[in-house]
Each structure stands twice: as structure tokens, then as C-alpha cells.
């Protein structure tokens, strides 16, 4: 199996915002992002190159970490005790109430079981 050709950093930087938009804002998978970039921008990189660039170099994530949910949970519970409603935003994305309630239950229960 041969190696994929190395893509210069300057080429990645040219396409960074498009890749970021596809992957995070439009919620495309890595495979969908790869296909779109090949078809519309003639940018060809292997799946492994995309994964490394997105997760390791650019540190982009679609999902919040356990610690981020725990922090959000404590903030929401604190504001709820004060009688305030909270619109949760993580990584610039608004989290629907249904999902935030599910995650709060998940991580709030962990704290009491320790």
C-alpha cells in the first residue's frame, strides 16, 4: 500500500474555513467532507490526512467532552436554582433543550454516584 502524497500546509490553510464549515456547521461526516472537497474544490487528501488535520492539528470536535458537559450541567443547575432559564451554547452551537436535559441527567448522576 503506497502513501498518499503530502499536502503542503498552505493548501490546507486555503481550504481550512470551507472544511471547518462543512464538518462543524453543516454537520457533514469526514467522508462527505472529502467527497465535497474533491468534487467542488479539486482538493484531494486521504481520509487519514483529513482526520489528522481536523482533530490533531486544528483541534476541531463535533461533540463536547465529559468535562464540558459537567461544567455546563453545574452552570444550568445553578441558574435554575436562581430561577433563570438558560440557552446552552457549546463550541458556538446552540444545544437543544432536549439534548441538554439528557446530558445533564447523565453527568449530574455521575457526580452523586462517586
PDB file of N, CA and C in Angstrom:
ATOM      1  N   UNK A   1       0.844  -1.178   0.000  1.00  0.00           N
ATOM      2  CA  UNK A   1       0.000   0.000   0.000  1.00  0.00           C
ATOM      3  C   UNK A   1       0.891   1.243   0.000  1.00  0.00           C
ATOM      4  N   UNK A   2       0.661   2.137  -0.935  1.00  0.00           N
ATOM      5  CA  UNK A   2       1.513   3.320  -1.039  1.00  0.00           C
ATOM      6  C   UNK A   2       0.970   4.459  -0.176  1.00  0.00           C
ATOM      7  N   UNK A   3       1.850   5.383   0.107  1.00  0.00           N
ATOM      8  CA  UNK A   3       1.483   6.547   0.912  1.00  0.00           C
ATOM      9  C   UNK A   3       0.786   7.584   0.048  1.00  0.00           C
ATOM     10  N   UNK A   4      -0.119   8.314   0.675  1.00  0.00           N
ATOM     11  CA  UNK A   4      -0.767   9.432  -0.015  1.00  0.00           C
ATOM     12  C   UNK A   4       0.246  10.566  -0.109  1.00  0.00           C
ATOM     13  N   UNK A   5       0.210  11.324  -1.195  1.00  0.00           N
ATOM     14  CA  UNK A   5       1.162  12.432  -1.307  1.00  0.00           C
ATOM     15  C   UNK A   5       0.929  13.462  -0.202  1.00  0.00           C
ATOM     16  N   UNK A   6       2.024  14.041   0.287  1.00  0.00           N
ATOM     17  CA  UNK A   6       1.939  15.050   1.341  1.00  0.00           C
ATOM     18  C   UNK A   6       1.355  16.331   0.757  1.00  0.00           C
ATOM     19  N   UNK A   7       0.389  16.901   1.466  1.00  0.00           N
ATOM     20  CA  UNK A   7      -0.247  18.132   1.006  1.00  0.00           C
ATOM     21  C   UNK A   7       0.370  19.292   1.774  1.00  0.00           C
ATOM     22  N   UNK A   8       0.868  20.301   1.055  1.00  0.00           N
ATOM     23  CA  UNK A   8       1.503  21.440   1.733  1.00  0.00           C
ATOM     24  C   UNK A   8       0.541  22.156   2.684  1.00  0.00           C
ATOM     25  N   UNK A   9       1.081  22.657   3.774  1.00  0.00           N
ATOM     26  CA  UNK A   9       0.293  23.369   4.780  1.00  0.00           C
ATOM     27  C   UNK A   9      -0.461  24.542   4.168  1.00  0.00           C
ATOM     28  N   UNK A  10       0.137  25.205   3.182  1.00  0.00           N
ATOM     29  CA  UNK A  10      -0.524  26.356   2.548  1.00  0.00           C
ATOM     30  C   UNK A  10      -1.822  25.945   1.862  1.00  0.00           C
ATOM     31  N   UNK A  11      -1.836  24.751   1.261  1.00  0.00           N
ATOM     32  CA  UNK A  11      -3.065  24.266   0.618  1.00  0.00           C
ATOM     33  C   UNK A  11      -4.143  23.982   1.652  1.00  0.00           C
ATOM     34  N   UNK A  12      -3.751  23.395   2.779  1.00  0.00           N
ATOM     35  CA  UNK A  12      -4.719  23.142   3.852  1.00  0.00           C
ATOM     36  C   UNK A  12      -5.303  24.465   4.352  1.00  0.00           C
ATOM     37  N   UNK A  13      -4.461  25.456   4.524  1.00  0.00           N
ATOM     38  CA  UNK A  13      -4.916  26.752   5.041  1.00  0.00           C
ATOM     39  C   UNK A  13      -5.897  27.428   4.083  1.00  0.00           C
ATOM     40  N   UNK A  14      -5.675  27.268   2.781  1.00  0.00           N
ATOM     41  CA  UNK A  14      -6.592  27.835   1.784  1.00  0.00           C
ATOM     42  C   UNK A  14      -7.994  27.251   1.964  1.00  0.00           C
ATOM     43  N   UNK A  15      -8.074  25.976   2.295  1.00  0.00           N
ATOM     44  CA  UNK A  15      -9.361  25.276   2.385  1.00  0.00           C
ATOM     45  C   UNK A  15      -9.885  25.112   3.811  1.00  0.00           C
ATOM     46  N   UNK A  16      -9.149  25.601   4.792  1.00  0.00           N
ATOM     47  CA  UNK A  16      -9.498  25.381   6.202  1.00  0.00           C
ATOM     48  C   UNK A  16     -10.920  25.834   6.539  1.00  0.00           C
ATOM     49  N   UNK A  17     -11.292  27.042   6.151  1.00  0.00           N
ATOM     50  CA  UNK A  17     -12.619  27.566   6.503  1.00  0.00           C
ATOM     51  C   UNK A  17     -13.739  26.750   5.846  1.00  0.00           C
ATOM     52  N   UNK A  18     -13.520  26.322   4.611  1.00  0.00           N
ATOM     53  CA  UNK A  18     -14.526  25.507   3.922  1.00  0.00           C
ATOM     54  C   UNK A  18     -14.683  24.158   4.621  1.00  0.00           C
ATOM     55  N   UNK A  19     -13.564  23.526   4.941  1.00  0.00           N
ATOM     56  CA  UNK A  19     -13.597  22.230   5.623  1.00  0.00           C
ATOM     57  C   UNK A  19     -14.259  22.375   6.991  1.00  0.00           C
ATOM     58  N   UNK A  20     -13.881  23.411   7.713  1.00  0.00           N
ATOM     59  CA  UNK A  20     -14.455  23.672   9.039  1.00  0.00           C
ATOM     60  C   UNK A  20     -15.971  23.874   8.945  1.00  0.00           C
ATOM     61  N   UNK A  21     -16.407  24.634   7.959  1.00  0.00           N
ATOM     62  CA  UNK A  21     -17.834  24.890   7.764  1.00  0.00           C
ATOM     63  C   UNK A  21     -18.588  23.599   7.441  1.00  0.00           C
ATOM     64  N   UNK A  22     -18.044  22.812   6.537  1.00  0.00           N
ATOM     65  CA  UNK A  22     -18.694  21.555   6.158  1.00  0.00           C
ATOM     66  C   UNK A  22     -18.800  20.607   7.348  1.00  0.00           C
ATOM     67  N   UNK A  23     -17.694  20.435   8.035  1.00  0.00           N
ATOM     68  CA  UNK A  23     -17.618  19.446   9.108  1.00  0.00           C
ATOM     69  C   UNK A  23     -18.399  19.864  10.356  1.00  0.00           C
ATOM     70  N   UNK A  24     -18.241  21.109  10.781  1.00  0.00           N
ATOM     71  CA  UNK A  24     -18.881  21.543  12.024  1.00  0.00           C
ATOM     72  C   UNK A  24     -20.252  22.179  11.821  1.00  0.00           C
ATOM     73  N   UNK A  25     -20.324  23.176  10.960  1.00  0.00           N
ATOM     74  CA  UNK A  25     -21.563  23.941  10.816  1.00  0.00           C
ATOM     75  C   UNK A  25     -22.627  23.186  10.027  1.00  0.00           C
ATOM     76  N   UNK A  26     -22.211  22.509   8.955  1.00  0.00           N
ATOM     77  CA  UNK A  26     -23.171  21.752   8.150  1.00  0.00           C
ATOM     78  C   UNK A  26     -23.291  20.302   8.624  1.00  0.00           C
ATOM     79  N   UNK A  27     -22.495  19.956   9.633  1.00  0.00           N
ATOM     80  CA  UNK A  27     -22.549  18.642  10.274  1.00  0.00           C
ATOM     81  C   UNK A  27     -22.324  17.479   9.303  1.00  0.00           C
ATOM     82  N   UNK A  28     -21.437  17.675   8.330  1.00  0.00           N
ATOM     83  CA  UNK A  28     -21.098  16.612   7.376  1.00  0.00           C
ATOM     84  C   UNK A  28     -20.122  15.640   8.036  1.00  0.00           C
ATOM     85  N   UNK A  29     -20.154  14.402   7.584  1.00  0.00           N
ATOM     86  CA  UNK A  29     -19.186  13.414   8.060  1.00  0.00           C
ATOM     87  C   UNK A  29     -17.848  13.687   7.372  1.00  0.00           C
ATOM     88  N   UNK A  30     -16.811  13.006   7.840  1.00  0.00           N
ATOM     89  CA  UNK A  30     -15.497  13.128   7.194  1.00  0.00           C
ATOM     90  C   UNK A  30     -15.607  12.699   5.734  1.00  0.00           C
ATOM     91  N   UNK A  31     -16.285  11.577   5.475  1.00  0.00           N
ATOM     92  CA  UNK A  31     -16.419  11.075   4.102  1.00  0.00           C
ATOM     93  C   UNK A  31     -17.168  12.066   3.208  1.00  0.00           C
ATOM     94  N   UNK A  32     -18.239  12.670   3.728  1.00  0.00           N
ATOM     95  CA  UNK A  32     -18.986  13.666   2.949  1.00  0.00           C
ATOM     96  C   UNK A  32     -18.132  14.903   2.679  1.00  0.00           C
ATOM     97  N   UNK A  33     -17.338  15.292   3.663  1.00  0.00           N
ATOM     98  CA  UNK A  33     -16.443  16.442   3.506  1.00  0.00           C
ATOM     99  C   UNK A  33     -15.394  16.154   2.438  1.00  0.00           C
ATOM    100  N   UNK A  34     -14.813  14.959   2.481  1.00  0.00           N
ATOM    101  CA  UNK A  34     -13.809  14.556   1.493  1.00  0.00           C
ATOM    102  C   UNK A  34     -14.404  14.602   0.085  1.00  0.00           C
ATOM    103  N   UNK A  35     -15.586  14.023  -0.086  1.00  0.00           N
ATOM    104  CA  UNK A  35     -16.240  14.000  -1.402  1.00  0.00           C
ATOM    105  C   UNK A  35     -16.528  15.408  -1.904  1.00  0.00           C
ATOM    106  N   UNK A  36     -17.070  16.255  -1.034  1.00  0.00           N
ATOM    107  CA  UNK A  36     -17.402  17.627  -1.421  1.00  0.00           C
ATOM    108  C   UNK A  36     -16.146  18.383  -1.852  1.00  0.00           C
ATOM    109  N   UNK A  37     -15.087  18.264  -1.072  1.00  0.00           N
ATOM    110  CA  UNK A  37     -13.850  18.984  -1.389  1.00  0.00           C
ATOM    111  C   UNK A  37     -13.237  18.490  -2.702  1.00  0.00           C
ATOM    112  N   UNK A  38     -13.313  17.196  -2.966  1.00  0.00           N
ATOM    113  CA  UNK A  38     -12.774  16.646  -4.214  1.00  0.00           C
ATOM    114  C   UNK A  38     -13.596  17.124  -5.411  1.00  0.00           C
ATOM    115  N   UNK A  39     -14.918  17.068  -5.287  1.00  0.00           N
ATOM    116  CA  UNK A  39     -15.798  17.432  -6.402  1.00  0.00           C
ATOM    117  C   UNK A  39     -15.840  18.934  -6.673  1.00  0.00           C
ATOM    118  N   UNK A  40     -15.885  19.733  -5.629  1.00  0.00           N
ATOM    119  CA  UNK A  40     -16.098  21.172  -5.796  1.00  0.00           C
ATOM    120  C   UNK A  40     -14.846  22.034  -5.718  1.00  0.00           C
ATOM    121  N   UNK A  41     -13.786  21.514  -5.100  1.00  0.00           N
ATOM    122  CA  UNK A  41     -12.571  22.321  -4.940  1.00  0.00           C
ATOM    123  C   UNK A  41     -11.325  21.628  -5.487  1.00  0.00           C
ATOM    124  N   UNK A  42     -11.493  20.447  -6.074  1.00  0.00           N
ATOM    125  CA  UNK A  42     -10.376  19.667  -6.606  1.00  0.00           C
ATOM    126  C   UNK A  42      -9.253  19.544  -5.565  1.00  0.00           C
ATOM    127  N   UNK A  43      -9.661  19.318  -4.321  1.00  0.00           N
ATOM    128  CA  UNK A  43      -8.721  19.144  -3.212  1.00  0.00           C
ATOM    129  C   UNK A  43      -8.761  17.674  -2.809  1.00  0.00           C
ATOM    130  N   UNK A  44      -7.655  16.975  -3.034  1.00  0.00           N
ATOM    131  CA  UNK A  44      -7.607  15.536  -2.816  1.00  0.00           C
ATOM    132  C   UNK A  44      -6.641  15.203  -1.680  1.00  0.00           C
ATOM    133  N   UNK A  45      -7.203  14.675  -0.600  1.00  0.00           N
ATOM    134  CA  UNK A  45      -6.401  14.212   0.531  1.00  0.00           C
ATOM    135  C   UNK A  45      -7.037  12.916   1.020  1.00  0.00           C
ATOM    136  N   UNK A  46      -6.236  12.090   1.660  1.00  0.00           N
ATOM    137  CA  UNK A  46      -6.763  10.818   2.163  1.00  0.00           C
ATOM    138  C   UNK A  46      -7.599  11.058   3.421  1.00  0.00           C
ATOM    139  N   UNK A  47      -8.394  10.064   3.759  1.00  0.00           N
ATOM    140  CA  UNK A  47      -9.227  10.159   4.959  1.00  0.00           C
ATOM    141  C   UNK A  47      -8.346  10.338   6.200  1.00  0.00           C
ATOM    142  N   UNK A  48      -7.253   9.610   6.241  1.00  0.00           N
ATOM    143  CA  UNK A  48      -6.335   9.707   7.375  1.00  0.00           C
ATOM    144  C   UNK A  48      -5.760  11.126   7.487  1.00  0.00           C
ATOM    145  N   UNK A  49      -5.443  11.747   6.352  1.00  0.00           N
ATOM    146  CA  UNK A  49      -4.928  13.119   6.367  1.00  0.00           C
ATOM    147  C   UNK A  49      -5.985  14.088   6.906  1.00  0.00           C
ATOM    148  N   UNK A  50      -7.228  13.921   6.468  1.00  0.00           N
ATOM    149  CA  UNK A  50      -8.315  14.774   6.964  1.00  0.00           C
ATOM    150  C   UNK A  50      -8.487  14.612   8.471  1.00  0.00           C
ATOM    151  N   UNK A  51      -8.542  13.377   8.932  1.00  0.00           N
ATOM    152  CA  UNK A  51      -8.751  13.122  10.360  1.00  0.00           C
ATOM    153  C   UNK A  51      -7.637  13.759  11.183  1.00  0.00           C
ATOM    154  N   UNK A  52      -6.405  13.571  10.751  1.00  0.00           N
ATOM    155  CA  UNK A  52      -5.274  14.139  11.479  1.00  0.00           C
ATOM    156  C   UNK A  52      -5.339  15.660  11.491  1.00  0.00           C
ATOM    157  N   UNK A  53      -5.625  16.252  10.353  1.00  0.00           N
ATOM    158  CA  UNK A  53      -5.656  17.712  10.254  1.00  0.00           C
ATOM    159  C   UNK A  53      -6.787  18.283  11.105  1.00  0.00           C
ATOM    160  N   UNK A  54      -7.973  17.689  11.009  1.00  0.00           N
ATOM    161  CA  UNK A  54      -9.144  18.211  11.725  1.00  0.00           C
ATOM    162  C   UNK A  54      -9.018  18.014  13.233  1.00  0.00           C
ATOM    163  N   UNK A  55      -8.649  16.813  13.660  1.00  0.00           N
ATOM    164  CA  UNK A  55      -8.667  16.524  15.098  1.00  0.00           C
ATOM    165  C   UNK A  55      -7.371  16.869  15.821  1.00  0.00           C
ATOM    166  N   UNK A  56      -6.232  16.601  15.207  1.00  0.00           N
ATOM    167  CA  UNK A  56      -4.951  16.820  15.885  1.00  0.00           C
ATOM    168  C   UNK A  56      -4.448  18.246  15.685  1.00  0.00           C
ATOM    169  N   UNK A  57      -4.353  18.680  14.443  1.00  0.00           N
ATOM    170  CA  UNK A  57      -3.774  19.995  14.166  1.00  0.00           C
ATOM    171  C   UNK A  57      -4.726  21.149  14.468  1.00  0.00           C
ATOM    172  N   UNK A  58      -5.954  21.056  13.987  1.00  0.00           N
ATOM    173  CA  UNK A  58      -6.914  22.150  14.169  1.00  0.00           C
ATOM    174  C   UNK A  58      -7.734  21.994  15.441  1.00  0.00           C
ATOM    175  N   UNK A  59      -7.696  20.813  16.046  1.00  0.00           N
ATOM    176  CA  UNK A  59      -8.415  20.521  17.295  1.00  0.00           C
ATOM    177  C   UNK A  59      -9.916  20.827  17.214  1.00  0.00           C
ATOM    178  N   UNK A  60     -10.531  20.430  16.103  1.00  0.00           N
ATOM    179  CA  UNK A  60     -11.971  20.620  15.929  1.00  0.00           C
ATOM    180  C   UNK A  60     -12.691  19.371  16.421  1.00  0.00           C
ATOM    181  N   UNK A  61     -13.781  19.582  17.154  1.00  0.00           N
ATOM    182  CA  UNK A  61     -14.578  18.460  17.647  1.00  0.00           C
ATOM    183  C   UNK A  61     -16.049  18.781  17.465  1.00  0.00           C
ATOM    184  N   UNK A  62     -16.825  17.765  17.113  1.00  0.00           N
ATOM    185  CA  UNK A  62     -18.272  17.944  16.992  1.00  0.00           C
ATOM    186  C   UNK A  62     -18.939  17.798  18.349  1.00  0.00           C
ATOM    187  N   UNK A  63     -18.396  16.959  19.192  1.00  0.00           N
ATOM    188  CA  UNK A  63     -19.037  16.652  20.469  1.00  0.00           C
ATOM    189  C   UNK A  63     -18.277  17.266  21.634  1.00  0.00           C
ATOM    190  N   UNK A  64     -19.026  17.597  22.668  1.00  0.00           N
ATOM    191  CA  UNK A  64     -18.423  18.144  23.878  1.00  0.00           C
ATOM    192  C   UNK A  64     -17.830  17.005  24.709  1.00  0.00           C
ATOM    193  N   UNK A  65     -16.818  17.333  25.485  1.00  0.00           N
ATOM    194  CA  UNK A  65     -16.190  16.339  26.348  1.00  0.00           C
ATOM    195  C   UNK A  65     -17.014  16.157  27.620  1.00  0.00           C
ATOM    196  N   UNK A  66     -16.687  15.132  28.349  1.00  0.00           N
ATOM    197  CA  UNK A  66     -17.333  14.862  29.638  1.00  0.00           C
ATOM    198  C   UNK A  66     -17.198  16.083  30.553  1.00  0.00           C
ATOM    199  N   UNK A  67     -16.006  16.643  30.604  1.00  0.00           N
ATOM    200  CA  UNK A  67     -15.752  17.796  31.470  1.00  0.00           C
ATOM    201  C   UNK A  67     -16.589  19.004  31.061  1.00  0.00           C
ATOM    202  N   UNK A  68     -16.736  19.227  29.755  1.00  0.00           N
ATOM    203  CA  UNK A  68     -17.549  20.351  29.280  1.00  0.00           C
ATOM    204  C   UNK A  68     -19.016  20.168  29.659  1.00  0.00           C
ATOM    205  N   UNK A  69     -19.521  18.932  29.555  1.00  0.00           N
ATOM    206  CA  UNK A  69     -20.909  18.675  29.941  1.00  0.00           C
ATOM    207  C   UNK A  69     -21.089  18.824  31.442  1.00  0.00           C
ATOM    208  N   UNK A  70     -20.104  18.384  32.219  1.00  0.00           N
ATOM    209  CA  UNK A  70     -20.196  18.540  33.675  1.00  0.00           C
ATOM    210  C   UNK A  70     -20.230  20.015  34.057  1.00  0.00           C
ATOM    211  N   UNK A  71     -19.388  20.810  33.403  1.00  0.00           N
ATOM    212  CA  UNK A  71     -19.367  22.250  33.667  1.00  0.00           C
ATOM    213  C   UNK A  71     -20.696  22.887  33.260  1.00  0.00           C
ATOM    214  N   UNK A  72     -21.206  22.525  32.098  1.00  0.00           N
ATOM    215  CA  UNK A  72     -22.492  23.058  31.632  1.00  0.00           C
ATOM    216  C   UNK A  72     -23.609  22.639  32.579  1.00  0.00           C
ATOM    217  N   UNK A  73     -23.548  21.405  33.045  1.00  0.00           N
ATOM    218  CA  UNK A  73     -24.560  20.893  33.966  1.00  0.00           C
ATOM    219  C   UNK A  73     -24.599  21.712  35.247  1.00  0.00           C
ATOM    220  N   UNK A  74     -23.428  21.962  35.826  1.00  0.00           N
ATOM    221  CA  UNK A  74     -23.404  22.737  37.072  1.00  0.00           C
ATOM    222  C   UNK A  74     -23.885  24.165  36.844  1.00  0.00           C
ATOM    223  N   UNK A  75     -23.543  24.752  35.705  1.00  0.00           N
ATOM    224  CA  UNK A  75     -23.993  26.110  35.386  1.00  0.00           C
ATOM    225  C   UNK A  75     -25.515  26.163  35.234  1.00  0.00           C
ATOM    226  N   UNK A  76     -26.071  25.210  34.506  1.00  0.00           N
ATOM    227  CA  UNK A  76     -27.522  25.189  34.286  1.00  0.00           C
ATOM    228  C   UNK A  76     -28.267  24.957  35.598  1.00  0.00           C
ATOM    229  N   UNK A  77     -27.769  24.023  36.408  1.00  0.00           N
ATOM    230  CA  UNK A  77     -28.420  23.754  37.693  1.00  0.00           C
ATOM    231  C   UNK A  77     -28.356  24.972  38.614  1.00  0.00           C
ATOM    232  N   UNK A  78     -27.229  25.676  38.594  1.00  0.00           N
ATOM    233  CA  UNK A  78     -27.074  26.891  39.405  1.00  0.00           C
ATOM    234  C   UNK A  78     -28.074  27.959  38.954  1.00  0.00           C
ATOM    235  N   UNK A  79     -28.162  28.170  37.647  1.00  0.00           N
ATOM    236  CA  UNK A  79     -29.084  29.184  37.115  1.00  0.00           C
ATOM    237  C   UNK A  79     -30.541  28.789  37.356  1.00  0.00           C
ATOM    238  N   UNK A  80     -30.817  27.491  37.282  1.00  0.00           N
ATOM    239  CA  UNK A  80     -32.180  27.017  37.539  1.00  0.00           C
ATOM    240  C   UNK A  80     -32.574  27.305  38.988  1.00  0.00           C
ATOM    241  N   UNK A  81     -31.633  27.112  39.914  1.00  0.00           N
ATOM    242  CA  UNK A  81     -31.887  27.399  41.328  1.00  0.00           C
ATOM    243  C   UNK A  81     -32.169  28.890  41.544  1.00  0.00           C
ATOM    244  N   UNK A  82     -31.590  29.734  40.681  1.00  0.00           N
ATOM    245  CA  UNK A  82     -31.817  31.182  40.756  1.00  0.00           C
ATOM    246  C   UNK A  82     -33.077  31.593  40.004  1.00  0.00           C
ATOM    247  N   UNK A  83     -33.770  30.620  39.403  1.00  0.00           N
ATOM    248  CA  UNK A  83     -34.997  30.906  38.668  1.00  0.00           C
ATOM    249  C   UNK A  83     -34.768  31.457  37.272  1.00  0.00           C
ATOM    250  N   UNK A  84     -33.590  31.201  36.703  1.00  0.00           N
ATOM    251  CA  UNK A  84     -33.249  31.713  35.374  1.00  0.00           C
ATOM    252  C   UNK A  84     -33.280  30.582  34.343  1.00  0.00           C
ATOM    253  N   UNK A  85     -33.731  30.911  33.148  1.00  0.00           N
ATOM    254  CA  UNK A  85     -33.678  29.969  32.030  1.00  0.00           C
ATOM    255  C   UNK A  85     -32.331  30.115  31.338  1.00  0.00           C
ATOM    256  N   UNK A  86     -31.830  29.031  30.765  1.00  0.00           N
ATOM    257  CA  UNK A  86     -30.517  29.056  30.127  1.00  0.00           C
ATOM    258  C   UNK A  86     -30.584  28.443  28.742  1.00  0.00           C
ATOM    259  N   UNK A  87     -30.060  29.168  27.755  1.00  0.00           N
ATOM    260  CA  UNK A  87     -29.894  28.647  26.391  1.00  0.00           C
ATOM    261  C   UNK A  87     -28.434  28.214  26.305  1.00  0.00           C
ATOM    262  N   UNK A  88     -28.185  26.921  26.238  1.00  0.00           N
ATOM    263  CA  UNK A  88     -26.832  26.383  26.268  1.00  0.00           C
ATOM    264  C   UNK A  88     -26.180  26.451  24.890  1.00  0.00           C
ATOM    265  N   UNK A  89     -24.954  26.955  24.859  1.00  0.00           N
ATOM    266  CA  UNK A  89     -24.157  27.019  23.639  1.00  0.00           C
ATOM    267  C   UNK A  89     -22.789  26.404  23.931  1.00  0.00           C
ATOM    268  N   UNK A  90     -22.405  25.405  23.143  1.00  0.00           N
ATOM    269  CA  UNK A  90     -21.089  24.778  23.283  1.00  0.00           C
ATOM    270  C   UNK A  90     -20.419  24.795  21.921  1.00  0.00           C
ATOM    271  N   UNK A  91     -19.183  25.279  21.880  1.00  0.00           N
ATOM    272  CA  UNK A  91     -18.413  25.406  20.635  1.00  0.00           C
ATOM    273  C   UNK A  91     -19.168  26.234  19.598  1.00  0.00           C
ATOM    274  N   UNK A  92     -19.918  27.238  20.065  1.00  0.00           N
ATOM    275  CA  UNK A  92     -20.644  28.117  19.156  1.00  0.00           C
ATOM    276  C   UNK A  92     -21.934  27.539  18.604  1.00  0.00           C
ATOM    277  N   UNK A  93     -22.306  26.347  19.043  1.00  0.00           N
ATOM    278  CA  UNK A  93     -23.544  25.721  18.574  1.00  0.00           C
ATOM    279  C   UNK A  93     -24.572  25.723  19.698  1.00  0.00           C
ATOM    280  N   UNK A  94     -25.794  26.138  19.373  1.00  0.00           N
ATOM    281  CA  UNK A  94     -26.873  26.117  20.350  1.00  0.00           C
ATOM    282  C   UNK A  94     -27.311  24.668  20.546  1.00  0.00           C
ATOM    283  N   UNK A  95     -27.356  24.249  21.796  1.00  0.00           N
ATOM    284  CA  UNK A  95     -27.740  22.881  22.130  1.00  0.00           C
ATOM    285  C   UNK A  95     -29.236  22.858  22.440  1.00  0.00           C
ATOM    286  N   UNK A  96     -30.005  22.020  21.739  1.00  0.00           N
ATOM    287  CA  UNK A  96     -31.446  21.941  22.014  1.00  0.00           C
ATOM    288  C   UNK A  96     -31.714  21.516  23.463  1.00  0.00           C
ATOM    289  N   UNK A  97     -32.820  22.002  24.020  1.00  0.00           N
ATOM    290  CA  UNK A  97     -33.170  21.697  25.413  1.00  0.00           C
ATOM    291  C   UNK A  97     -33.234  20.195  25.678  1.00  0.00           C
ATOM    292  N   UNK A  98     -33.801  19.458  24.729  1.00  0.00           N
ATOM    293  CA  UNK A  98     -33.939  18.006  24.905  1.00  0.00           C
ATOM    294  C   UNK A  98     -32.573  17.350  25.112  1.00  0.00           C
ATOM    295  N   UNK A  99     -31.602  17.746  24.303  1.00  0.00           N
ATOM    296  CA  UNK A  99     -30.269  17.153  24.423  1.00  0.00           C
ATOM    297  C   UNK A  99     -29.582  17.606  25.703  1.00  0.00           C
ATOM    298  N   UNK A 100     -29.696  18.901  26.028  1.00  0.00           N
ATOM    299  CA  UNK A 100     -29.026  19.389  27.239  1.00  0.00           C
ATOM    300  C   UNK A 100     -29.597  18.713  28.487  1.00  0.00           C
ATOM    301  N   UNK A 101     -30.911  18.494  28.522  1.00  0.00           N
ATOM    302  CA  UNK A 101     -31.517  17.801  29.673  1.00  0.00           C
ATOM    303  C   UNK A 101     -30.992  16.371  29.785  1.00  0.00           C
ATOM    304  N   UNK A 102     -30.872  15.690  28.655  1.00  0.00           N
ATOM    305  CA  UNK A 102     -30.368  14.309  28.653  1.00  0.00           C
ATOM    306  C   UNK A 102     -28.923  14.261  29.161  1.00  0.00           C
ATOM    307  N   UNK A 103     -28.099  15.179  28.660  1.00  0.00           N
ATOM    308  CA  UNK A 103     -26.694  15.204  29.068  1.00  0.00           C
ATOM    309  C   UNK A 103     -26.546  15.608  30.532  1.00  0.00           C
ATOM    310  N   UNK A 104     -27.378  16.526  30.988  1.00  0.00           N
ATOM    311  CA  UNK A 104     -27.329  16.939  32.395  1.00  0.00           C
ATOM    312  C   UNK A 104     -27.680  15.757  33.297  1.00  0.00           C
ATOM    313  N   UNK A 105     -28.711  15.014  32.920  1.00  0.00           N
ATOM    314  CA  UNK A 105     -29.065  13.815  33.702  1.00  0.00           C
ATOM    315  C   UNK A 105     -27.885  12.844  33.735  1.00  0.00           C
ATOM    316  N   UNK A 106     -27.256  12.668  32.612  1.00  0.00           N
ATOM    317  CA  UNK A 106     -26.139  11.726  32.510  1.00  0.00           C
ATOM    318  C   UNK A 106     -24.984  12.138  33.425  1.00  0.00           C
ATOM    319  N   UNK A 107     -24.575  13.397  33.364  1.00  0.00           N
ATOM    320  CA  UNK A 107     -23.402  13.829  34.111  1.00  0.00           C
ATOM    321  C   UNK A 107     -23.706  14.259  35.532  1.00  0.00           C
ATOM    322  N   UNK A 108     -24.910  14.727  35.816  1.00  0.00           N
ATOM    323  CA  UNK A 108     -25.277  15.083  37.188  1.00  0.00           C
ATOM    324  C   UNK A 108     -25.373  13.814  38.031  1.00  0.00           C
ATOM    325  N   UNK A 109     -25.885  12.727  37.458  1.00  0.00           N
ATOM    326  CA  UNK A 109     -25.990  11.466  38.186  1.00  0.00           C
ATOM    327  C   UNK A 109     -24.618  10.887  38.504  1.00  0.00           C
ATOM    328  N   UNK A 110     -23.659  11.070  37.625  1.00  0.00           N
ATOM    329  CA  UNK A 110     -22.304  10.570  37.860  1.00  0.00           C
ATOM    330  C   UNK A 110     -21.706  11.167  39.116  1.00  0.00           C
ATOM    331  N   UNK A 111     -21.945  12.463  39.321  1.00  0.00           N
ATOM    332  CA  UNK A 111     -21.375  13.139  40.480  1.00  0.00           C
ATOM    333  C   UNK A 111     -21.906  12.553  41.786  1.00  0.00           C
ATOM    334  N   UNK A 112     -23.191  12.193  41.823  1.00  0.00           N
ATOM    335  CA  UNK A 112     -23.783  11.680  43.053  1.00  0.00           C
ATOM    336  C   UNK A 112     -23.400  10.228  43.313  1.00  0.00           C
ATOM    337  N   UNK A 113     -23.001   9.500  42.274  1.00  0.00           N
ATOM    338  CA  UNK A 113     -22.667   8.080  42.425  1.00  0.00           C
ATOM    339  C   UNK A 113     -21.204   7.856  42.795  1.00  0.00           C
ATOM    340  N   UNK A 114     -20.392   8.882  42.806  1.00  0.00           N
ATOM    341  CA  UNK A 114     -18.950   8.712  43.059  1.00  0.00           C
ATOM    342  C   UNK A 114     -18.648   8.398  44.495  1.00  0.00           C
TER     343      UNK A 114
END
